[in-house]
C-alpha atoms as a PDB file:
ATOM      1  CA  UNK A   1      11.960  -0.324  16.056  1.00  0.00           C
ATOM      2  CA  UNK A   2      11.241  -3.580  14.626  1.00  0.00           C
ATOM      3  CA  UNK A   3      11.233  -3.824  10.763  1.00  0.00           C
ATOM      4  CA  UNK A   4       9.357  -6.213   8.236  1.00  0.00           C
ATOM      5  CA  UNK A   5       9.931  -6.848   4.997  1.00  0.00           C
ATOM      6  CA  UNK A   6       7.274  -6.469   2.053  1.00  0.00           C
ATOM      7  CA  UNK A   7       7.618  -7.317  -1.453  1.00  0.00           C
ATOM      8  CA  UNK A   8       5.872  -5.206  -4.030  1.00  0.00           C
ATOM      9  CA  UNK A   9       4.973  -5.148  -7.658  1.00  0.00           C
ATOM     10  CA  UNK A  10       5.362  -2.067  -9.560  1.00  0.00           C
ATOM     11  CA  UNK A  11       2.376  -0.770 -11.616  1.00  0.00           C
ATOM     12  CA  UNK A  12       1.875   1.645 -14.128  1.00  0.00           C
ATOM     13  CA  UNK A  13      -2.082   1.446 -14.778  1.00  0.00           C
ATOM     14  CA  UNK A  14      -3.719   3.702 -12.343  1.00  0.00           C
ATOM     15  CA  UNK A  15      -7.188   3.675 -13.972  1.00  0.00           C
ATOM     16  CA  UNK A  16     -10.329   2.622 -11.710  1.00  0.00           C
ATOM     17  CA  UNK A  17     -10.987  -0.564 -13.767  1.00  0.00           C
ATOM     18  CA  UNK A  18      -7.280  -1.786 -13.413  1.00  0.00           C
ATOM     19  CA  UNK A  19      -7.527  -0.856  -9.487  1.00  0.00           C
ATOM     20  CA  UNK A  20     -10.727  -3.072  -9.056  1.00  0.00           C
ATOM     21  CA  UNK A  21      -9.220  -5.633 -11.160  1.00  0.00           C
ATOM     22  CA  UNK A  22      -5.936  -5.910  -8.995  1.00  0.00           C
ATOM     23  CA  UNK A  23      -8.326  -5.962  -5.933  1.00  0.00           C
ATOM     24  CA  UNK A  24     -10.242  -8.995  -7.367  1.00  0.00           C
ATOM     25  CA  UNK A  25      -7.260 -10.885  -7.934  1.00  0.00           C
ATOM     26  CA  UNK A  26      -6.076 -10.183  -4.164  1.00  0.00           C
ATOM     27  CA  UNK A  27      -3.741  -7.287  -4.594  1.00  0.00           C
ATOM     28  CA  UNK A  28      -3.761  -4.194  -2.904  1.00  0.00           C
ATOM     29  CA  UNK A  29      -2.719  -0.956  -4.675  1.00  0.00           C
ATOM     30  CA  UNK A  30       0.182   0.916  -2.671  1.00  0.00           C
ATOM     31  CA  UNK A  31       2.072   4.120  -3.115  1.00  0.00           C
ATOM     32  CA  UNK A  32       5.214   5.310  -1.559  1.00  0.00           C
ATOM     33  CA  UNK A  33       6.371   8.927  -1.532  1.00  0.00           C
ATOM     34  CA  UNK A  34       8.308  11.545   0.643  1.00  0.00           C
ATOM     35  CA  UNK A  35      11.908  12.796   1.266  1.00  0.00           C
ATOM     36  CA  UNK A  36      12.052  14.259  -2.083  1.00  0.00           C
ATOM     37  CA  UNK A  37      11.823  10.937  -4.019  1.00  0.00           C
ATOM     38  CA  UNK A  38       9.200  10.406  -6.866  1.00  0.00           C
ATOM     39  CA  UNK A  39       5.927   8.615  -6.222  1.00  0.00           C
ATOM     40  CA  UNK A  40       6.297   4.872  -6.738  1.00  0.00           C
ATOM     41  CA  UNK A  41       2.770   3.024  -7.336  1.00  0.00           C
ATOM     42  CA  UNK A  42       2.758  -0.781  -6.794  1.00  0.00           C
ATOM     43  CA  UNK A  43       0.794  -3.631  -5.413  1.00  0.00           C
ATOM     44  CA  UNK A  44       1.285  -5.950  -2.796  1.00  0.00           C
ATOM     45  CA  UNK A  45      -0.382  -9.432  -2.001  1.00  0.00           C
ATOM     46  CA  UNK A  46      -3.187  -9.163   0.551  1.00  0.00           C
ATOM     47  CA  UNK A  47      -1.783 -12.002   2.504  1.00  0.00           C
ATOM     48  CA  UNK A  48       1.603 -10.404   2.864  1.00  0.00           C
ATOM     49  CA  UNK A  49       0.131  -7.302   4.728  1.00  0.00           C
ATOM     50  CA  UNK A  50      -1.687  -9.597   7.359  1.00  0.00           C
ATOM     51  CA  UNK A  51       1.393  -9.059   9.572  1.00  0.00           C
ATOM     52  CA  UNK A  52       1.869  -5.477   9.254  1.00  0.00           C
ATOM     53  CA  UNK A  53      -1.796  -4.292   9.210  1.00  0.00           C
ATOM     54  CA  UNK A  54      -3.760  -6.585  11.777  1.00  0.00           C
ATOM     55  CA  UNK A  55      -1.284  -5.997  14.588  1.00  0.00           C
ATOM     56  CA  UNK A  56      -1.145  -3.473  17.438  1.00  0.00           C
ATOM     57  CA  UNK A  57       2.853  -3.302  16.471  1.00  0.00           C
ATOM     58  CA  UNK A  58       4.342  -0.724  14.778  1.00  0.00           C
ATOM     59  CA  UNK A  59       6.871  -1.548  12.219  1.00  0.00           C
ATOM     60  CA  UNK A  60       9.484   0.253   9.898  1.00  0.00           C
ATOM     61  CA  UNK A  61       9.202  -1.421   6.759  1.00  0.00           C
ATOM     62  CA  UNK A  62      11.608  -2.571   4.078  1.00  0.00           C
ATOM     63  CA  UNK A  63       9.598  -2.205   0.777  1.00  0.00           C
ATOM     64  CA  UNK A  64      11.123  -4.389  -2.156  1.00  0.00           C
ATOM     65  CA  UNK A  65       9.494  -3.001  -5.214  1.00  0.00           C
ATOM     66  CA  UNK A  66      11.196  -5.428  -8.052  1.00  0.00           C
ATOM     67  CA  UNK A  67      14.628  -5.073  -6.699  1.00  0.00           C
ATOM     68  CA  UNK A  68      14.186  -1.108  -5.581  1.00  0.00           C
ATOM     69  CA  UNK A  69      14.489  -1.301  -1.605  1.00  0.00           C
ATOM     70  CA  UNK A  70      13.179   1.674   0.560  1.00  0.00           C
ATOM     71  CA  UNK A  71      12.297   2.150   4.192  1.00  0.00           C
ATOM     72  CA  UNK A  72       9.328   3.630   5.019  1.00  0.00           C
ATOM     73  CA  UNK A  73       6.364   3.781   7.298  1.00  0.00           C
ATOM     74  CA  UNK A  74       2.263   3.566   6.864  1.00  0.00           C
ATOM     75  CA  UNK A  75       1.063   6.841   6.619  1.00  0.00           C
ATOM     76  CA  UNK A  76      -2.600   6.099   5.782  1.00  0.00           C
ATOM     77  CA  UNK A  77      -4.405   2.966   5.196  1.00  0.00           C
ATOM     78  CA  UNK A  78      -7.832   2.543   3.828  1.00  0.00           C
ATOM     79  CA  UNK A  79     -10.520  -0.284   4.707  1.00  0.00           C
ATOM     80  CA  UNK A  80     -13.612  -1.596   2.954  1.00  0.00           C
ATOM     81  CA  UNK A  81     -16.614  -0.312   5.016  1.00  0.00           C
ATOM     82  CA  UNK A  82     -18.130  -3.591   5.186  1.00  0.00           C
ATOM     83  CA  UNK A  83     -15.755  -6.404   4.881  1.00  0.00           C
ATOM     84  CA  UNK A  84     -12.715  -4.478   6.548  1.00  0.00           C
ATOM     85  CA  UNK A  85     -10.429  -5.572   3.882  1.00  0.00           C
ATOM     86  CA  UNK A  86      -7.287  -3.540   3.212  1.00  0.00           C
ATOM     87  CA  UNK A  87      -8.045  -0.919  -0.112  1.00  0.00           C
ATOM     88  CA  UNK A  88      -5.126   1.282  -0.407  1.00  0.00           C
ATOM     89  CA  UNK A  89      -1.923   1.936   1.822  1.00  0.00           C
ATOM     90  CA  UNK A  90      -0.050   5.304   1.649  1.00  0.00           C
ATOM     91  CA  UNK A  91       3.837   4.639   2.565  1.00  0.00           C
ATOM     92  CA  UNK A  92       6.155   7.507   3.557  1.00  0.00           C
ATOM     93  CA  UNK A  93       9.679   6.992   2.707  1.00  0.00           C
ATOM     94  CA  UNK A  94      12.251   7.370   5.678  1.00  0.00           C
ATOM     95  CA  UNK A  95      15.575   9.034   5.538  1.00  0.00           C
ATOM     96  CA  UNK A  96      17.893   7.598   8.063  1.00  0.00           C
ATOM     97  CA  UNK A  97      19.455  11.114   9.046  1.00  0.00           C
ATOM     98  CA  UNK A  98      15.834  12.777   9.468  1.00  0.00           C
ATOM     99  CA  UNK A  99      13.471  12.432  12.213  1.00  0.00           C
ATOM    100  CA  UNK A 100      10.263  10.891  11.298  1.00  0.00           C
ATOM    101  CA  UNK A 101       6.774  11.203  13.495  1.00  0.00           C
ATOM    102  CA  UNK A 102       4.990   7.722  13.970  1.00  0.00           C
ATOM    103  CA  UNK A 103       2.357   6.613  16.245  1.00  0.00           C
ATOM    104  CA  UNK A 104       3.988   4.429  18.778  1.00  0.00           C
ATOM    105  CA  UNK A 105       1.947   1.958  21.295  1.00  0.00           C
ATOM    106  CA  UNK A 106       1.685   2.311  25.269  1.00  0.00           C
ATOM    107  CA  UNK A 107       2.533  -0.394  27.257  1.00  0.00           C
ATOM    108  CA  UNK A 108       0.931  -0.304  30.846  1.00  0.00           C
ATOM    109  CA  UNK A 109       2.576  -1.678  33.850  1.00  0.00           C
ATOM    110  CA  UNK A 110       2.463  -1.650  37.589  1.00  0.00           C
ATOM    111  CA  UNK A 111      -0.363  -2.068  40.146  1.00  0.00           C
ATOM    112  CA  UNK A 112      -2.095   1.272  40.455  1.00  0.00           C
ATOM    113  CA  UNK A 113      -2.600   2.797  43.897  1.00  0.00           C
ATOM    114  CA  UNK A 114      -5.775   4.182  43.074  1.00  0.00           C
ATOM    115  CA  UNK A 115      -6.727   0.510  41.463  1.00  0.00           C
ATOM    116  CA  UNK A 116      -5.530  -0.701  45.038  1.00  0.00           C
ATOM    117  CA  UNK A 117      -7.946   1.414  46.773  1.00  0.00           C
ATOM    118  CA  UNK A 118     -10.883   0.036  44.756  1.00  0.00           C
ATOM    119  CA  UNK A 119     -10.942   2.542  41.902  1.00  0.00           C
ATOM    120  CA  UNK A 120     -10.835   1.300  38.235  1.00  0.00           C
ATOM    121  CA  UNK A 121      -8.099   2.086  35.617  1.00  0.00           C
ATOM    122  CA  UNK A 122      -9.225   3.659  32.196  1.00  0.00           C
ATOM    123  CA  UNK A 123      -6.804   3.962  29.368  1.00  0.00           C
ATOM    124  CA  UNK A 124      -7.964   6.204  26.911  1.00  0.00           C
ATOM    125  CA  UNK A 125      -5.240   6.308  24.239  1.00  0.00           C
ATOM    126  CA  UNK A 126      -3.266   3.326  23.654  1.00  0.00           C
ATOM    127  CA  UNK A 127      -0.744   4.982  21.165  1.00  0.00           C
ATOM    128  CA  UNK A 128       1.228   8.329  21.467  1.00  0.00           C
ATOM    129  CA  UNK A 129       2.503   9.978  18.136  1.00  0.00           C
ATOM    130  CA  UNK A 130       6.435  11.063  18.573  1.00  0.00           C
ATOM    131  CA  UNK A 131       9.303  12.172  16.662  1.00  0.00           C
ATOM    132  CA  UNK A 132      12.663  10.274  16.347  1.00  0.00           C
ATOM    133  CA  UNK A 133      15.632   9.383  14.146  1.00  0.00           C
ATOM    134  CA  UNK A 134      14.615   5.762  12.645  1.00  0.00           C
ATOM    135  CA  UNK A 135      17.192   4.139  14.767  1.00  0.00           C
ATOM    136  CA  UNK A 136      15.864   5.707  17.938  1.00  0.00           C
ATOM    137  CA  UNK A 137      12.185   5.066  17.453  1.00  0.00           C
ATOM    138  CA  UNK A 138      11.033   2.576  20.258  1.00  0.00           C
ATOM    139  CA  UNK A 139       8.894  -0.583  19.873  1.00  0.00           C
ATOM    140  CA  UNK A 140       6.375   0.736  22.614  1.00  0.00           C
ATOM    141  CA  UNK A 141       6.292   3.712  25.409  1.00  0.00           C
ATOM    142  CA  UNK A 142       6.194   2.320  28.836  1.00  0.00           C
ATOM    143  CA  UNK A 143       4.405   3.961  31.411  1.00  0.00           C
ATOM    144  CA  UNK A 144       4.373   2.907  34.948  1.00  0.00           C
ATOM    145  CA  UNK A 145       1.105   3.663  36.599  1.00  0.00           C
ATOM    146  CA  UNK A 146       2.163   2.167  40.263  1.00  0.00           C
ATOM    147  CA  UNK A 147       1.857   5.374  41.872  1.00  0.00           C
ATOM    148  CA  UNK A 148      -1.371   6.571  40.207  1.00  0.00           C
ATOM    149  CA  UNK A 149      -3.802   7.394  42.810  1.00  0.00           C
ATOM    150  CA  UNK A 150      -7.525   7.919  42.474  1.00  0.00           C
ATOM    151  CA  UNK A 151      -8.972  10.573  40.456  1.00  0.00           C
ATOM    152  CA  UNK A 152      -5.463  11.161  38.925  1.00  0.00           C
ATOM    153  CA  UNK A 153      -4.623  10.927  35.327  1.00  0.00           C
ATOM    154  CA  UNK A 154      -1.030  10.367  33.407  1.00  0.00           C
ATOM    155  CA  UNK A 155      -1.183  12.817  30.272  1.00  0.00           C
ATOM    156  CA  UNK A 156       1.189  12.909  27.615  1.00  0.00           C
ATOM    157  CA  UNK A 157       3.061  15.518  29.063  1.00  0.00           C
ATOM    158  CA  UNK A 158       4.205  13.240  31.968  1.00  0.00           C
ATOM    159  CA  UNK A 159       5.985  11.115  29.663  1.00  0.00           C
ATOM    160  CA  UNK A 160       9.686  11.969  28.766  1.00  0.00           C
ATOM    161  CA  UNK A 161      11.930   9.348  26.882  1.00  0.00           C
ATOM    162  CA  UNK A 162      15.427   9.531  25.556  1.00  0.00           C
ATOM    163  CA  UNK A 163      16.074  10.964  22.241  1.00  0.00           C
ATOM    164  CA  UNK A 164      12.401  10.714  21.434  1.00  0.00           C
ATOM    165  CA  UNK A 165      10.214  13.710  21.159  1.00  0.00           C
ATOM    166  CA  UNK A 166       6.570  13.531  22.310  1.00  0.00           C
ATOM    167  CA  UNK A 167       4.237  15.295  19.491  1.00  0.00           C
ATOM    168  CA  UNK A 168       0.748  14.536  21.005  1.00  0.00           C
ATOM    169  CA  UNK A 169      -0.585  17.531  22.949  1.00  0.00           C
ATOM    170  CA  UNK A 170       0.584  17.523  26.475  1.00  0.00           C
ATOM    171  CA  UNK A 171      -2.776  17.631  27.994  1.00  0.00           C
ATOM    172  CA  UNK A 172      -3.990  14.406  25.980  1.00  0.00           C
ATOM    173  CA  UNK A 173      -5.053  11.737  28.769  1.00  0.00           C
ATOM    174  CA  UNK A 174      -3.111   8.625  28.439  1.00  0.00           C
ATOM    175  CA  UNK A 175      -4.966   7.054  31.392  1.00  0.00           C
ATOM    176  CA  UNK A 176      -6.900   7.376  34.754  1.00  0.00           C
ATOM    177  CA  UNK A 177      -8.144   5.852  37.616  1.00  0.00           C
ATOM    178  CA  UNK A 178     -11.743   6.832  38.284  1.00  0.00           C
ATOM    179  CA  UNK A 179     -13.639   6.152  41.634  1.00  0.00           C
ATOM    180  CA  UNK A 180     -16.015   3.327  41.716  1.00  0.00           C
ATOM    181  CA  UNK A 181     -19.032   2.371  44.174  1.00  0.00           C
ATOM    182  CA  UNK A 182     -16.652   0.189  46.181  1.00  0.00           C
ATOM    183  CA  UNK A 183     -14.128   3.059  46.621  1.00  0.00           C
ATOM    184  CA  UNK A 184     -16.539   5.474  47.590  1.00  0.00           C
ATOM    185  CA  UNK A 185     -18.264   3.184  50.151  1.00  0.00           C
ATOM    186  CA  UNK A 186     -14.729   2.544  51.539  1.00  0.00           C
ATOM    187  CA  UNK A 187     -13.844   5.979  51.974  1.00  0.00           C
ATOM    188  CA  UNK A 188     -17.251   6.564  53.870  1.00  0.00           C
ATOM    189  CA  UNK A 189     -16.631   3.973  56.159  1.00  0.00           C
ATOM    190  CA  UNK A 190     -13.219   5.399  56.793  1.00  0.00           C
ATOM    191  CA  UNK A 191     -14.831   8.545  57.517  1.00  0.00           C
ATOM    192  CA  UNK A 192     -17.333   7.295  59.712  1.00  0.00           C
ATOM    193  CA  UNK A 193     -15.317   5.142  62.057  1.00  0.00           C
ATOM    194  CA  UNK A 194     -12.502   7.762  62.463  1.00  0.00           C
ATOM    195  CA  UNK A 195     -14.697  10.040  65.036  1.00  0.00           C
ATOM    196  CA  UNK A 196     -15.666   6.974  66.796  1.00  0.00           C
ATOM    197  CA  UNK A 197     -12.254   5.800  67.132  1.00  0.00           C
ATOM    198  CA  UNK A 198     -11.002   9.120  68.316  1.00  0.00           C
ATOM    199  CA  UNK A 199     -13.806   9.301  70.897  1.00  0.00           C
ATOM    200  CA  UNK A 200     -12.945   5.890  72.382  1.00  0.00           C
ATOM    201  CA  UNK A 201      -9.318   6.662  72.448  1.00  0.00           C
ATOM    202  CA  UNK A 202      -9.975   9.889  74.559  1.00  0.00           C
ATOM    203  CA  UNK A 203     -11.107   8.124  77.674  1.00  0.00           C
ATOM    204  CA  UNK A 204      -7.916   5.838  77.586  1.00  0.00           C
ATOM    205  CA  UNK A 205      -5.920   9.065  77.552  1.00  0.00           C
ATOM    206  CA  UNK A 206      -7.325  10.527  80.527  1.00  0.00           C
ATOM    207  CA  UNK A 207      -7.002   7.372  82.284  1.00  0.00           C
ATOM    208  CA  UNK A 208      -3.391   7.565  81.905  1.00  0.00           C
ATOM    209  CA  UNK A 209      -2.920  10.984  83.028  1.00  0.00           C
ATOM    210  CA  UNK A 210      -4.636  10.072  86.490  1.00  0.00           C
END
């Protein structure tokens, strides 16, 4: 999985008034915890979080808090309900020897059989939660939909990847191809012409017998 470097500044004053002052100064309050380590409260320049937060990609984060470097993943992020600005981020410390759970983006590839027949592809879940060692975490989970027919679905239970355990419930639908009016019309035309074709071929068969 891709990594990204983020620098932070330690903070000790955890009062609400101090937090508000930090946000006004363009700083985002953060905390890193997990794997038996003590909680570390720090701030990150709001601009430095742009490539980490506002992207579909998922990263392992190399956090440098005044010289103390830890590898982590984002566990929870809070946004302002109106401005959508980042208010707070929780980071979870990563141990290279232990599996971690994280949401990984799904990448769809292939020209679906059902779409070619007139159906419409619906992607219901663009991320899947997986568990793996940090070194085995993939950037994306490729899903080939070439053989996906009309009315069929691909679920989390259909996915399988080396060294990666799928945590998302097996019944969770990743994508499906639904019937459209065009597909229905095509099916009806095929059904209507089939008997006529059969009837037309019957006399020809009789002629050959004579």
